[in-house]
Every structure is written in C-alpha cells, then in structure tokens.
Amino acid sequence: MAWENVASLGIAVAAFLVSVASARYSKASADSSKRSADAAERQAAAAEAAVPPPPPPVDWTVVRRGEASFLLRNVGSEPALDVEVDTVNGRLFPVEPGSLAVPELPPNQAIGFWIFTADQLPDIYEIRVRWRGSGDWTTLPLP
C-alpha cells in the first residue's frame, strides 16, 4: 500500500505543477490581452482625433473686397434664417439695394456691405450679426 500512496502523491504533485504552469500561462495570456485592448483603444482615439469635426450649422467669415467693402459669408452647413447685421449706428450700408437683414442666407452665400468711414469717426474693427437660433449678437472681427 505504500507504493499506492507514493503513486498518488506523485500524481498529486504532477497535477499541482500542471496547475501552476497553467495559471502562469493564463496570467501571461490575460496580460497580453490587456495590452492588445489598450493598443486598440489608443488607435481608436487617434483615429477619432484625426477626423475633423463637422462644420457648425451656421458659422461666419468676413472677407474684405476693397478698402471699405466687405462680404459676410455663411460658411456653416445649413442656411441661416432671419439674418440681421448691426448697422453700427448707421455706418454699415448694403452693397445692393435693400437692407442688412435677409430672411435666409444659404451656405456659402454672402451679404455685401460698405462701411462709412470719416476722419472724425472712430474706426470699426468688428461687426455684429444675429440670426434665428443664435440668441444674442455674435461679434466678428473685420479682416
């Protein structure tokens, strides 16, 4: 019977050693999986950062056309509705007959305006515009 006990002990030790080796292999595999998941997250974050954000629905740029002539252009992705340009106490005038208020300004379309300048008046460095959904006046620098 002693040999049976020794054989059982040998089998138990062998099973223990196999179990320890399996645990080490599982830990190494789990560590490798975690590194792979971390790398995938970094790649996904880099890919998201590389994609430019979509343009805002309504955004503006002012382009100088001459010494006192400008264009206010909608560079957003949607039409601007009920657009109104502040006349700065009567110093801004539309290029075409009408007013500096338009019911709709589609993307990439512009409103032309002149700025009345005189030596006795302070210079104008910005204009104000508002439209449906903007809430309050938005200030834009003149180029």
N, C-alpha and C. Protein backbone atom coordinates (compact mmCIF):
# COMPACT_ATOMS: atom_id res chain seq x y z
N MET A 1 0.80 -1.19 0.00
CA MET A 1 0.00 0.00 0.00
C MET A 1 0.85 1.26 0.00
N ALA A 2 2.03 1.19 0.42
CA ALA A 2 2.88 2.35 0.46
C ALA A 2 3.16 2.85 -0.94
N TRP A 3 3.31 1.88 -1.86
CA TRP A 3 3.55 2.31 -3.22
C TRP A 3 2.35 3.03 -3.81
N GLU A 4 1.18 2.63 -3.42
CA GLU A 4 -0.02 3.31 -3.91
C GLU A 4 -0.07 4.75 -3.40
N ASN A 5 0.34 4.95 -2.15
CA ASN A 5 0.37 6.30 -1.58
C ASN A 5 1.42 7.17 -2.29
N VAL A 6 2.56 6.56 -2.58
CA VAL A 6 3.62 7.30 -3.26
C VAL A 6 3.16 7.67 -4.68
N ALA A 7 2.50 6.71 -5.35
CA ALA A 7 2.00 6.99 -6.70
C ALA A 7 0.94 8.09 -6.65
N SER A 8 0.05 8.04 -5.67
CA SER A 8 -0.97 9.08 -5.53
C SER A 8 -0.33 10.44 -5.25
N LEU A 9 0.70 10.40 -4.39
CA LEU A 9 1.40 11.65 -4.08
C LEU A 9 2.08 12.19 -5.35
N GLY A 10 2.69 11.31 -6.13
CA GLY A 10 3.34 11.73 -7.37
C GLY A 10 2.36 12.32 -8.36
N ILE A 11 1.19 11.70 -8.47
CA ILE A 11 0.16 12.21 -9.37
C ILE A 11 -0.34 13.57 -8.88
N ALA A 12 -0.51 13.71 -7.56
CA ALA A 12 -0.97 14.98 -6.99
C ALA A 12 0.05 16.09 -7.24
N VAL A 13 1.36 15.76 -7.05
CA VAL A 13 2.41 16.76 -7.29
C VAL A 13 2.43 17.15 -8.76
N ALA A 14 2.31 16.16 -9.66
CA ALA A 14 2.30 16.45 -11.09
C ALA A 14 1.09 17.33 -11.45
N ALA A 15 -0.07 17.03 -10.88
CA ALA A 15 -1.26 17.83 -11.14
C ALA A 15 -1.07 19.26 -10.62
N PHE A 16 -0.41 19.39 -9.46
CA PHE A 16 -0.15 20.72 -8.89
C PHE A 16 0.77 21.51 -9.82
N LEU A 17 1.83 20.86 -10.31
CA LEU A 17 2.76 21.54 -11.19
C LEU A 17 2.08 21.97 -12.50
N VAL A 18 1.23 21.09 -13.04
CA VAL A 18 0.49 21.44 -14.24
C VAL A 18 -0.44 22.62 -13.96
N SER A 19 -1.06 22.64 -12.80
CA SER A 19 -1.96 23.72 -12.40
C SER A 19 -1.20 25.05 -12.29
N VAL A 20 -0.02 25.03 -11.68
CA VAL A 20 0.80 26.24 -11.54
C VAL A 20 1.22 26.75 -12.92
N ALA A 21 1.66 25.85 -13.78
CA ALA A 21 2.05 26.26 -15.13
C ALA A 21 0.86 26.83 -15.89
N SER A 22 -0.29 26.23 -15.72
CA SER A 22 -1.49 26.72 -16.40
C SER A 22 -1.87 28.11 -15.88
N ALA A 23 -1.74 28.34 -14.59
CA ALA A 23 -2.06 29.65 -14.02
C ALA A 23 -1.12 30.71 -14.56
N ARG A 24 0.19 30.38 -14.65
CA ARG A 24 1.15 31.34 -15.20
C ARG A 24 0.82 31.66 -16.66
N TYR A 25 0.51 30.64 -17.42
CA TYR A 25 0.17 30.83 -18.83
C TYR A 25 -1.09 31.69 -18.96
N SER A 26 -2.09 31.44 -18.11
CA SER A 26 -3.33 32.23 -18.14
C SER A 26 -3.06 33.69 -17.80
N LYS A 27 -2.18 33.93 -16.81
CA LYS A 27 -1.85 35.31 -16.44
C LYS A 27 -1.13 36.00 -17.60
N ALA A 28 -0.19 35.32 -18.23
CA ALA A 28 0.52 35.91 -19.37
C ALA A 28 -0.44 36.19 -20.51
N SER A 29 -1.38 35.30 -20.74
CA SER A 29 -2.38 35.50 -21.79
C SER A 29 -3.28 36.69 -21.47
N ALA A 30 -3.68 36.81 -20.20
CA ALA A 30 -4.53 37.93 -19.79
C ALA A 30 -3.78 39.26 -19.93
N ASP A 31 -2.49 39.27 -19.55
CA ASP A 31 -1.69 40.49 -19.70
C ASP A 31 -1.57 40.88 -21.18
N SER A 32 -1.35 39.88 -22.01
CA SER A 32 -1.25 40.15 -23.45
C SER A 32 -2.58 40.68 -24.00
N SER A 33 -3.68 40.12 -23.55
CA SER A 33 -5.00 40.60 -23.99
C SER A 33 -5.22 42.04 -23.54
N LYS A 34 -4.80 42.37 -22.32
CA LYS A 34 -4.97 43.74 -21.83
C LYS A 34 -4.13 44.71 -22.65
N ARG A 35 -2.89 44.33 -22.98
CA ARG A 35 -2.05 45.20 -23.81
C ARG A 35 -2.69 45.40 -25.18
N SER A 36 -3.24 44.35 -25.73
CA SER A 36 -3.89 44.47 -27.05
C SER A 36 -5.11 45.39 -26.97
N ALA A 37 -5.89 45.25 -25.90
CA ALA A 37 -7.07 46.11 -25.74
C ALA A 37 -6.65 47.57 -25.56
N ASP A 38 -5.60 47.81 -24.78
CA ASP A 38 -5.11 49.19 -24.59
C ASP A 38 -4.62 49.78 -25.91
N ALA A 39 -3.92 48.98 -26.70
CA ALA A 39 -3.43 49.46 -28.00
C ALA A 39 -4.60 49.77 -28.93
N ALA A 40 -5.63 48.93 -28.90
CA ALA A 40 -6.81 49.18 -29.73
C ALA A 40 -7.51 50.47 -29.31
N GLU A 41 -7.59 50.72 -28.01
CA GLU A 41 -8.20 51.97 -27.53
C GLU A 41 -7.39 53.18 -28.00
N ARG A 42 -6.06 53.09 -27.92
CA ARG A 42 -5.22 54.21 -28.37
C ARG A 42 -5.39 54.45 -29.86
N GLN A 43 -5.47 53.37 -30.64
CA GLN A 43 -5.67 53.52 -32.08
C GLN A 43 -7.03 54.14 -32.38
N ALA A 44 -8.06 53.72 -31.65
CA ALA A 44 -9.39 54.30 -31.87
C ALA A 44 -9.41 55.78 -31.51
N ALA A 45 -8.74 56.14 -30.41
CA ALA A 45 -8.69 57.55 -30.01
C ALA A 45 -7.93 58.37 -31.05
N ALA A 46 -6.84 57.82 -31.57
CA ALA A 46 -6.07 58.53 -32.60
C ALA A 46 -6.89 58.70 -33.87
N ALA A 47 -7.65 57.68 -34.23
CA ALA A 47 -8.49 57.77 -35.43
C ALA A 47 -9.58 58.82 -35.25
N GLU A 48 -10.18 58.88 -34.07
CA GLU A 48 -11.21 59.90 -33.80
C GLU A 48 -10.62 61.29 -33.85
N ALA A 49 -9.41 61.44 -33.31
CA ALA A 49 -8.77 62.76 -33.30
C ALA A 49 -8.40 63.20 -34.71
N ALA A 50 -8.14 62.25 -35.60
CA ALA A 50 -7.74 62.59 -36.96
C ALA A 50 -8.93 63.03 -37.81
N VAL A 51 -10.13 62.66 -37.43
CA VAL A 51 -11.32 63.03 -38.20
C VAL A 51 -11.73 64.44 -37.81
N PRO A 52 -11.78 65.37 -38.76
CA PRO A 52 -12.16 66.73 -38.40
C PRO A 52 -13.64 66.77 -37.99
N PRO A 53 -13.97 67.65 -37.05
CA PRO A 53 -15.36 67.75 -36.64
C PRO A 53 -16.20 68.32 -37.78
N PRO A 54 -17.47 67.99 -37.81
CA PRO A 54 -18.33 68.55 -38.86
C PRO A 54 -18.45 70.06 -38.67
N PRO A 55 -18.67 70.78 -39.76
CA PRO A 55 -18.82 72.24 -39.61
C PRO A 55 -20.07 72.56 -38.81
N PRO A 56 -20.06 73.67 -38.10
CA PRO A 56 -21.26 74.04 -37.35
C PRO A 56 -22.40 74.36 -38.30
N PRO A 57 -23.65 74.27 -37.84
CA PRO A 57 -24.79 74.54 -38.72
C PRO A 57 -24.72 75.92 -39.36
N VAL A 58 -24.37 76.93 -38.57
CA VAL A 58 -24.21 78.29 -39.10
C VAL A 58 -22.91 78.84 -38.53
N ASP A 59 -22.05 79.30 -39.42
CA ASP A 59 -20.79 79.91 -39.00
C ASP A 59 -20.49 81.02 -40.00
N TRP A 60 -19.67 81.98 -39.59
CA TRP A 60 -19.47 83.17 -40.41
C TRP A 60 -18.00 83.45 -40.64
N THR A 61 -17.74 84.08 -41.78
CA THR A 61 -16.44 84.67 -42.05
C THR A 61 -16.69 86.00 -42.75
N VAL A 62 -15.80 86.95 -42.49
CA VAL A 62 -15.90 88.26 -43.14
C VAL A 62 -14.70 88.38 -44.08
N VAL A 63 -14.98 88.74 -45.33
CA VAL A 63 -13.94 88.87 -46.35
C VAL A 63 -13.90 90.31 -46.84
N ARG A 64 -12.71 90.88 -46.89
CA ARG A 64 -12.56 92.25 -47.40
C ARG A 64 -12.54 92.21 -48.92
N ARG A 65 -13.37 93.07 -49.54
CA ARG A 65 -13.41 93.17 -51.01
C ARG A 65 -12.74 94.43 -51.51
N GLY A 66 -12.60 95.39 -50.68
CA GLY A 66 -12.00 96.67 -51.06
C GLY A 66 -11.65 97.42 -49.78
N GLU A 67 -11.35 98.70 -49.94
CA GLU A 67 -10.96 99.47 -48.76
C GLU A 67 -12.05 99.53 -47.70
N ALA A 68 -13.31 99.68 -48.13
CA ALA A 68 -14.42 99.76 -47.17
C ALA A 68 -15.54 98.80 -47.54
N SER A 69 -15.26 97.82 -48.39
CA SER A 69 -16.27 96.89 -48.86
C SER A 69 -15.96 95.48 -48.34
N PHE A 70 -17.01 94.82 -47.84
CA PHE A 70 -16.83 93.51 -47.21
C PHE A 70 -17.94 92.55 -47.63
N LEU A 71 -17.69 91.26 -47.40
CA LEU A 71 -18.70 90.22 -47.54
C LEU A 71 -18.81 89.47 -46.23
N LEU A 72 -20.03 89.28 -45.79
CA LEU A 72 -20.31 88.42 -44.64
C LEU A 72 -20.82 87.11 -45.22
N ARG A 73 -20.01 86.03 -45.10
CA ARG A 73 -20.34 84.75 -45.74
C ARG A 73 -20.72 83.70 -44.70
N ASN A 74 -21.80 82.97 -45.01
CA ASN A 74 -22.21 81.83 -44.19
C ASN A 74 -21.34 80.64 -44.59
N VAL A 75 -20.42 80.24 -43.73
CA VAL A 75 -19.54 79.10 -44.01
C VAL A 75 -19.98 77.86 -43.24
N GLY A 76 -21.19 77.89 -42.70
CA GLY A 76 -21.73 76.73 -42.00
C GLY A 76 -22.31 75.72 -42.97
N SER A 77 -22.95 74.70 -42.42
CA SER A 77 -23.50 73.62 -43.25
C SER A 77 -25.00 73.76 -43.50
N GLU A 78 -25.65 74.74 -42.85
CA GLU A 78 -27.09 74.93 -43.01
C GLU A 78 -27.41 76.40 -43.28
N PRO A 79 -28.59 76.67 -43.85
CA PRO A 79 -28.96 78.07 -44.08
C PRO A 79 -29.14 78.82 -42.75
N ALA A 80 -28.76 80.07 -42.76
CA ALA A 80 -29.02 80.95 -41.63
C ALA A 80 -30.34 81.67 -41.91
N LEU A 81 -31.24 81.64 -40.96
CA LEU A 81 -32.56 82.25 -41.15
C LEU A 81 -32.66 83.54 -40.36
N ASP A 82 -33.41 84.49 -40.91
CA ASP A 82 -33.64 85.79 -40.26
C ASP A 82 -32.33 86.46 -39.85
N VAL A 83 -31.42 86.57 -40.80
CA VAL A 83 -30.09 87.15 -40.56
C VAL A 83 -30.22 88.67 -40.47
N GLU A 84 -29.54 89.22 -39.49
CA GLU A 84 -29.55 90.68 -39.30
C GLU A 84 -28.13 91.13 -38.94
N VAL A 85 -27.64 92.14 -39.66
CA VAL A 85 -26.33 92.72 -39.38
C VAL A 85 -26.56 94.07 -38.72
N ASP A 86 -25.89 94.29 -37.60
CA ASP A 86 -25.99 95.57 -36.89
C ASP A 86 -25.37 96.66 -37.76
N THR A 87 -26.08 97.77 -37.92
CA THR A 87 -25.61 98.85 -38.80
C THR A 87 -24.59 99.77 -38.12
N VAL A 88 -24.22 99.51 -36.90
CA VAL A 88 -23.24 100.31 -36.16
C VAL A 88 -23.61 101.79 -36.25
N ASN A 89 -24.79 102.11 -35.77
CA ASN A 89 -25.30 103.49 -35.76
C ASN A 89 -25.32 104.10 -37.16
N GLY A 90 -25.75 103.31 -38.13
CA GLY A 90 -25.91 103.82 -39.48
C GLY A 90 -24.63 103.90 -40.28
N ARG A 91 -23.57 103.23 -39.86
CA ARG A 91 -22.30 103.30 -40.59
C ARG A 91 -22.08 102.13 -41.54
N LEU A 92 -22.96 101.11 -41.48
CA LEU A 92 -22.89 99.98 -42.42
C LEU A 92 -24.04 100.10 -43.40
N PHE A 93 -23.74 99.90 -44.68
CA PHE A 93 -24.75 100.00 -45.73
C PHE A 93 -24.66 98.77 -46.62
N PRO A 94 -25.80 98.27 -47.09
CA PRO A 94 -25.76 97.12 -48.00
C PRO A 94 -25.16 97.52 -49.35
N VAL A 95 -24.45 96.60 -49.99
CA VAL A 95 -23.88 96.85 -51.31
C VAL A 95 -25.00 96.96 -52.34
N GLU A 96 -25.96 96.05 -52.26
CA GLU A 96 -27.10 96.07 -53.17
C GLU A 96 -28.27 96.75 -52.47
N PRO A 97 -29.18 97.33 -53.21
CA PRO A 97 -30.33 97.99 -52.58
C PRO A 97 -31.08 97.01 -51.67
N GLY A 98 -31.49 97.49 -50.57
CA GLY A 98 -32.21 96.66 -49.60
C GLY A 98 -31.73 96.97 -48.20
N SER A 99 -31.67 95.95 -47.40
CA SER A 99 -31.23 96.16 -46.03
C SER A 99 -30.19 95.11 -45.66
N LEU A 100 -29.65 95.25 -44.49
CA LEU A 100 -28.69 94.28 -43.98
C LEU A 100 -29.39 93.19 -43.19
N ALA A 101 -30.65 92.95 -43.51
CA ALA A 101 -31.42 91.86 -42.91
C ALA A 101 -32.00 91.03 -44.04
N VAL A 102 -31.75 89.73 -44.00
CA VAL A 102 -32.27 88.84 -45.03
C VAL A 102 -33.00 87.68 -44.36
N PRO A 103 -34.08 87.19 -45.01
CA PRO A 103 -34.83 86.10 -44.39
C PRO A 103 -34.07 84.78 -44.39
N GLU A 104 -33.18 84.56 -45.38
CA GLU A 104 -32.42 83.31 -45.43
C GLU A 104 -31.11 83.54 -46.16
N LEU A 105 -30.04 82.98 -45.61
CA LEU A 105 -28.73 83.04 -46.24
C LEU A 105 -28.17 81.61 -46.28
N PRO A 106 -28.26 80.96 -47.48
CA PRO A 106 -27.79 79.58 -47.60
C PRO A 106 -26.27 79.46 -47.36
N PRO A 107 -25.79 78.24 -47.16
CA PRO A 107 -24.34 78.05 -47.01
C PRO A 107 -23.58 78.56 -48.24
N ASN A 108 -22.44 79.16 -47.98
CA ASN A 108 -21.55 79.72 -48.99
C ASN A 108 -22.12 80.94 -49.70
N GLN A 109 -23.22 81.49 -49.25
CA GLN A 109 -23.75 82.74 -49.79
C GLN A 109 -23.34 83.88 -48.86
N ALA A 110 -23.38 85.09 -49.38
CA ALA A 110 -22.86 86.22 -48.61
C ALA A 110 -23.76 87.44 -48.74
N ILE A 111 -23.61 88.32 -47.76
CA ILE A 111 -24.22 89.65 -47.77
C ILE A 111 -23.07 90.64 -47.95
N GLY A 112 -23.18 91.51 -48.95
CA GLY A 112 -22.16 92.53 -49.16
C GLY A 112 -22.53 93.80 -48.42
N PHE A 113 -21.53 94.46 -47.83
CA PHE A 113 -21.81 95.72 -47.14
C PHE A 113 -20.60 96.65 -47.23
N TRP A 114 -20.91 97.93 -47.10
CA TRP A 114 -19.91 99.01 -47.08
C TRP A 114 -19.86 99.56 -45.66
N ILE A 115 -18.71 100.05 -45.29
CA ILE A 115 -18.58 100.77 -44.02
C ILE A 115 -18.27 102.22 -44.34
N PHE A 116 -19.12 103.11 -43.82
CA PHE A 116 -18.90 104.54 -43.99
C PHE A 116 -17.78 104.95 -43.04
N THR A 117 -16.74 105.51 -43.61
CA THR A 117 -15.61 105.94 -42.79
C THR A 117 -15.40 107.45 -42.97
N ALA A 118 -14.95 108.08 -41.94
CA ALA A 118 -14.61 109.51 -41.98
C ALA A 118 -13.55 109.75 -40.92
N ASP A 119 -12.77 110.78 -41.14
CA ASP A 119 -11.68 111.07 -40.19
C ASP A 119 -12.20 111.38 -38.79
N GLN A 120 -13.41 111.94 -38.71
CA GLN A 120 -13.94 112.33 -37.41
C GLN A 120 -14.56 111.15 -36.65
N LEU A 121 -14.78 110.03 -37.32
CA LEU A 121 -15.43 108.87 -36.68
C LEU A 121 -14.40 107.83 -36.27
N PRO A 122 -14.68 107.13 -35.18
CA PRO A 122 -13.74 106.07 -34.78
C PRO A 122 -13.77 104.91 -35.79
N ASP A 123 -12.63 104.24 -35.92
CA ASP A 123 -12.55 103.09 -36.82
C ASP A 123 -13.41 101.94 -36.30
N ILE A 124 -13.88 101.13 -37.22
CA ILE A 124 -14.66 99.95 -36.88
C ILE A 124 -13.78 98.72 -37.11
N TYR A 125 -13.65 97.88 -36.10
CA TYR A 125 -12.81 96.70 -36.19
C TYR A 125 -13.60 95.40 -36.13
N GLU A 126 -14.91 95.50 -35.92
CA GLU A 126 -15.75 94.31 -35.81
C GLU A 126 -17.18 94.65 -36.18
N ILE A 127 -17.91 93.62 -36.55
CA ILE A 127 -19.35 93.79 -36.81
C ILE A 127 -20.10 92.79 -35.94
N ARG A 128 -21.40 93.02 -35.83
CA ARG A 128 -22.25 92.12 -35.06
C ARG A 128 -23.34 91.57 -35.97
N VAL A 129 -23.60 90.28 -35.82
CA VAL A 129 -24.64 89.62 -36.62
C VAL A 129 -25.43 88.70 -35.70
N ARG A 130 -26.71 88.57 -36.02
CA ARG A 130 -27.53 87.59 -35.30
C ARG A 130 -28.48 86.94 -36.29
N TRP A 131 -28.98 85.77 -35.93
CA TRP A 131 -29.87 85.01 -36.78
C TRP A 131 -30.72 84.13 -35.87
N ARG A 132 -31.74 83.54 -36.47
CA ARG A 132 -32.64 82.70 -35.68
C ARG A 132 -31.83 81.55 -35.09
N GLY A 133 -31.90 81.43 -33.78
CA GLY A 133 -31.17 80.38 -33.08
C GLY A 133 -29.87 80.84 -32.46
N SER A 134 -29.42 82.03 -32.79
CA SER A 134 -28.14 82.50 -32.22
C SER A 134 -28.31 83.06 -30.83
N GLY A 135 -29.52 83.45 -30.50
CA GLY A 135 -29.75 84.05 -29.19
C GLY A 135 -29.43 85.53 -29.20
N ASP A 136 -28.18 85.86 -29.06
CA ASP A 136 -27.78 87.27 -28.98
C ASP A 136 -26.85 87.58 -30.15
N TRP A 137 -26.36 88.81 -30.19
CA TRP A 137 -25.45 89.22 -31.24
C TRP A 137 -24.15 88.43 -31.15
N THR A 138 -23.61 88.07 -32.31
CA THR A 138 -22.31 87.43 -32.40
C THR A 138 -21.35 88.45 -33.01
N THR A 139 -20.23 88.67 -32.36
CA THR A 139 -19.25 89.66 -32.82
C THR A 139 -18.21 88.99 -33.70
N LEU A 140 -17.97 89.60 -34.86
CA LEU A 140 -16.99 89.06 -35.82
C LEU A 140 -15.95 90.13 -36.11
N PRO A 141 -14.67 89.78 -36.07
CA PRO A 141 -13.63 90.77 -36.40
C PRO A 141 -13.59 91.04 -37.89
N LEU A 142 -13.27 92.26 -38.24
CA LEU A 142 -13.08 92.61 -39.65
C LEU A 142 -11.64 92.31 -40.04
N PRO A 143 -11.44 91.79 -41.24
CA PRO A 143 -10.06 91.47 -41.68
C PRO A 143 -9.25 92.74 -41.96
